[in-house]
Amino acid sequence: MFKGAKVIRGPDCELNDQISEPNVVGEVEEVVSSNDEDTKDSVRVSWKKGGQSHIHRVGRDGKVRTT
Protein backbone atom coordinates (compact mmCIF):
# COMPACT_ATOMS: atom_id res chain seq x y z
CA MET A 1 0.00 0.00 0.00
CA PHE A 2 1.10 3.54 -0.66
CA LYS A 3 -0.24 7.07 -0.34
CA GLY A 4 -2.75 7.77 -3.11
CA ALA A 5 -3.62 4.10 -3.72
CA LYS A 6 -7.29 3.45 -4.55
CA VAL A 7 -8.79 0.75 -2.30
CA ILE A 8 -12.07 -0.98 -1.53
CA ARG A 9 -13.30 -2.70 1.62
CA GLY A 10 -11.48 -5.99 2.21
CA PRO A 11 -12.87 -9.33 3.46
CA ASP A 12 -12.03 -8.58 7.12
CA CYS A 13 -13.46 -5.06 7.27
CA GLU A 14 -15.42 -4.54 10.49
CA LEU A 15 -16.93 -1.19 9.54
CA ASN A 16 -19.89 -2.61 7.64
CA ASP A 17 -22.34 -0.16 9.19
CA GLN A 18 -20.09 2.81 8.36
CA ILE A 19 -19.08 1.65 4.87
CA SER A 20 -22.26 -0.14 3.86
CA GLU A 21 -21.48 -0.90 0.23
CA PRO A 22 -18.65 -3.36 -0.48
CA ASN A 23 -17.32 -1.62 -3.61
CA VAL A 24 -17.07 1.95 -2.32
CA VAL A 25 -13.69 3.36 -3.38
CA GLY A 26 -11.37 5.03 -0.92
CA GLU A 27 -7.94 6.61 -1.17
CA VAL A 28 -4.98 5.92 1.10
CA GLU A 29 -4.03 9.16 2.87
CA GLU A 30 -1.03 7.72 4.72
CA VAL A 31 0.65 4.49 5.80
CA VAL A 32 0.80 4.25 9.60
CA SER A 33 1.69 1.97 12.50
CA SER A 34 -1.22 0.68 14.56
CA ASN A 35 0.97 0.31 17.64
CA ASP A 36 4.20 1.63 19.15
CA GLU A 37 6.35 -0.46 16.81
CA ASP A 38 7.55 0.94 13.51
CA THR A 39 5.89 -1.76 11.40
CA LYS A 40 3.66 0.41 9.17
CA ASP A 41 0.92 -2.23 9.19
CA SER A 42 -2.10 0.03 8.63
CA VAL A 43 -3.39 2.74 6.32
CA ARG A 44 -5.60 5.77 6.85
CA VAL A 45 -8.27 5.70 4.14
CA SER A 46 -10.53 8.54 3.10
CA TRP A 47 -13.75 7.01 1.77
CA LYS A 48 -15.27 8.78 -1.22
CA LYS A 49 -18.84 8.06 -0.14
CA GLY A 50 -19.62 9.86 3.09
CA GLY A 51 -16.24 11.57 3.31
CA GLN A 52 -15.19 9.58 6.37
CA SER A 53 -11.60 8.65 7.18
CA HIS A 54 -10.65 5.45 9.04
CA ILE A 55 -7.49 3.51 9.87
CA HIS A 56 -7.48 -0.05 8.50
CA ARG A 57 -4.92 -2.79 9.08
CA VAL A 58 -3.20 -4.36 6.11
CA GLY A 59 -1.94 -7.85 6.84
CA ARG A 60 -1.64 -7.42 10.61
CA ASP A 61 -2.61 -10.64 12.41
CA GLY A 62 -3.44 -12.13 9.02
CA LYS A 63 -6.32 -9.67 8.50
CA VAL A 64 -6.96 -7.50 5.45
CA ARG A 65 -9.47 -4.67 5.79
CA THR A 66 -8.70 -3.00 2.47
CA THR A 67 -7.65 -4.35 -0.91
C-alpha atoms as a PDB file:
ATOM      1  CA  MET A   1       0.000   0.000   0.000  1.00  0.00           C
ATOM      2  CA  PHE A   2       1.096   3.537  -0.664  1.00  0.00           C
ATOM      3  CA  LYS A   3      -0.238   7.069  -0.337  1.00  0.00           C
ATOM      4  CA  GLY A   4      -2.749   7.769  -3.114  1.00  0.00           C
ATOM      5  CA  ALA A   5      -3.622   4.103  -3.718  1.00  0.00           C
ATOM      6  CA  LYS A   6      -7.288   3.455  -4.550  1.00  0.00           C
ATOM      7  CA  VAL A   7      -8.789   0.752  -2.299  1.00  0.00           C
ATOM      8  CA  ILE A   8     -12.075  -0.983  -1.533  1.00  0.00           C
ATOM      9  CA  ARG A   9     -13.297  -2.697   1.619  1.00  0.00           C
ATOM     10  CA  GLY A  10     -11.484  -5.992   2.211  1.00  0.00           C
ATOM     11  CA  PRO A  11     -12.868  -9.328   3.462  1.00  0.00           C
ATOM     12  CA  ASP A  12     -12.029  -8.585   7.117  1.00  0.00           C
ATOM     13  CA  CYS A  13     -13.459  -5.057   7.271  1.00  0.00           C
ATOM     14  CA  GLU A  14     -15.418  -4.538  10.495  1.00  0.00           C
ATOM     15  CA  LEU A  15     -16.931  -1.187   9.536  1.00  0.00           C
ATOM     16  CA  ASN A  16     -19.890  -2.606   7.639  1.00  0.00           C
ATOM     17  CA  ASP A  17     -22.343  -0.159   9.185  1.00  0.00           C
ATOM     18  CA  GLN A  18     -20.086   2.814   8.361  1.00  0.00           C
ATOM     19  CA  ILE A  19     -19.084   1.653   4.872  1.00  0.00           C
ATOM     20  CA  SER A  20     -22.256  -0.138   3.859  1.00  0.00           C
ATOM     21  CA  GLU A  21     -21.482  -0.900   0.235  1.00  0.00           C
ATOM     22  CA  PRO A  22     -18.649  -3.358  -0.483  1.00  0.00           C
ATOM     23  CA  ASN A  23     -17.322  -1.617  -3.606  1.00  0.00           C
ATOM     24  CA  VAL A  24     -17.067   1.953  -2.318  1.00  0.00           C
ATOM     25  CA  VAL A  25     -13.693   3.357  -3.379  1.00  0.00           C
ATOM     26  CA  GLY A  26     -11.366   5.029  -0.918  1.00  0.00           C
ATOM     27  CA  GLU A  27      -7.942   6.606  -1.167  1.00  0.00           C
ATOM     28  CA  VAL A  28      -4.975   5.921   1.104  1.00  0.00           C
ATOM     29  CA  GLU A  29      -4.034   9.159   2.865  1.00  0.00           C
ATOM     30  CA  GLU A  30      -1.030   7.723   4.723  1.00  0.00           C
ATOM     31  CA  VAL A  31       0.647   4.490   5.801  1.00  0.00           C
ATOM     32  CA  VAL A  32       0.804   4.247   9.601  1.00  0.00           C
ATOM     33  CA  SER A  33       1.692   1.972  12.505  1.00  0.00           C
ATOM     34  CA  SER A  34      -1.218   0.683  14.563  1.00  0.00           C
ATOM     35  CA  ASN A  35       0.966   0.309  17.644  1.00  0.00           C
ATOM     36  CA  ASP A  36       4.197   1.633  19.146  1.00  0.00           C
ATOM     37  CA  GLU A  37       6.350  -0.464  16.814  1.00  0.00           C
ATOM     38  CA  ASP A  38       7.550   0.942  13.508  1.00  0.00           C
ATOM     39  CA  THR A  39       5.891  -1.761  11.405  1.00  0.00           C
ATOM     40  CA  LYS A  40       3.659   0.408   9.173  1.00  0.00           C
ATOM     41  CA  ASP A  41       0.917  -2.232   9.185  1.00  0.00           C
ATOM     42  CA  SER A  42      -2.102   0.033   8.627  1.00  0.00           C
ATOM     43  CA  VAL A  43      -3.387   2.738   6.317  1.00  0.00           C
ATOM     44  CA  ARG A  44      -5.604   5.768   6.847  1.00  0.00           C
ATOM     45  CA  VAL A  45      -8.268   5.703   4.142  1.00  0.00           C
ATOM     46  CA  SER A  46     -10.529   8.543   3.105  1.00  0.00           C
ATOM     47  CA  TRP A  47     -13.747   7.007   1.774  1.00  0.00           C
ATOM     48  CA  LYS A  48     -15.273   8.785  -1.223  1.00  0.00           C
ATOM     49  CA  LYS A  49     -18.840   8.061  -0.140  1.00  0.00           C
ATOM     50  CA  GLY A  50     -19.622   9.863   3.089  1.00  0.00           C
ATOM     51  CA  GLY A  51     -16.241  11.574   3.309  1.00  0.00           C
ATOM     52  CA  GLN A  52     -15.188   9.582   6.366  1.00  0.00           C
ATOM     53  CA  SER A  53     -11.600   8.645   7.181  1.00  0.00           C
ATOM     54  CA  HIS A  54     -10.655   5.452   9.041  1.00  0.00           C
ATOM     55  CA  ILE A  55      -7.489   3.510   9.866  1.00  0.00           C
ATOM     56  CA  HIS A  56      -7.480  -0.046   8.504  1.00  0.00           C
ATOM     57  CA  ARG A  57      -4.922  -2.785   9.084  1.00  0.00           C
ATOM     58  CA  VAL A  58      -3.201  -4.357   6.109  1.00  0.00           C
ATOM     59  CA  GLY A  59      -1.936  -7.850   6.838  1.00  0.00           C
ATOM     60  CA  ARG A  60      -1.643  -7.420  10.609  1.00  0.00           C
ATOM     61  CA  ASP A  61      -2.612 -10.636  12.413  1.00  0.00           C
ATOM     62  CA  GLY A  62      -3.439 -12.126   9.016  1.00  0.00           C
ATOM     63  CA  LYS A  63      -6.323  -9.666   8.497  1.00  0.00           C
ATOM     64  CA  VAL A  64      -6.957  -7.500   5.455  1.00  0.00           C
ATOM     65  CA  ARG A  65      -9.470  -4.670   5.792  1.00  0.00           C
ATOM     66  CA  THR A  66      -8.697  -3.000   2.468  1.00  0.00           C
ATOM     67  CA  THR A  67      -7.654  -4.348  -0.913  1.00  0.00           C
END
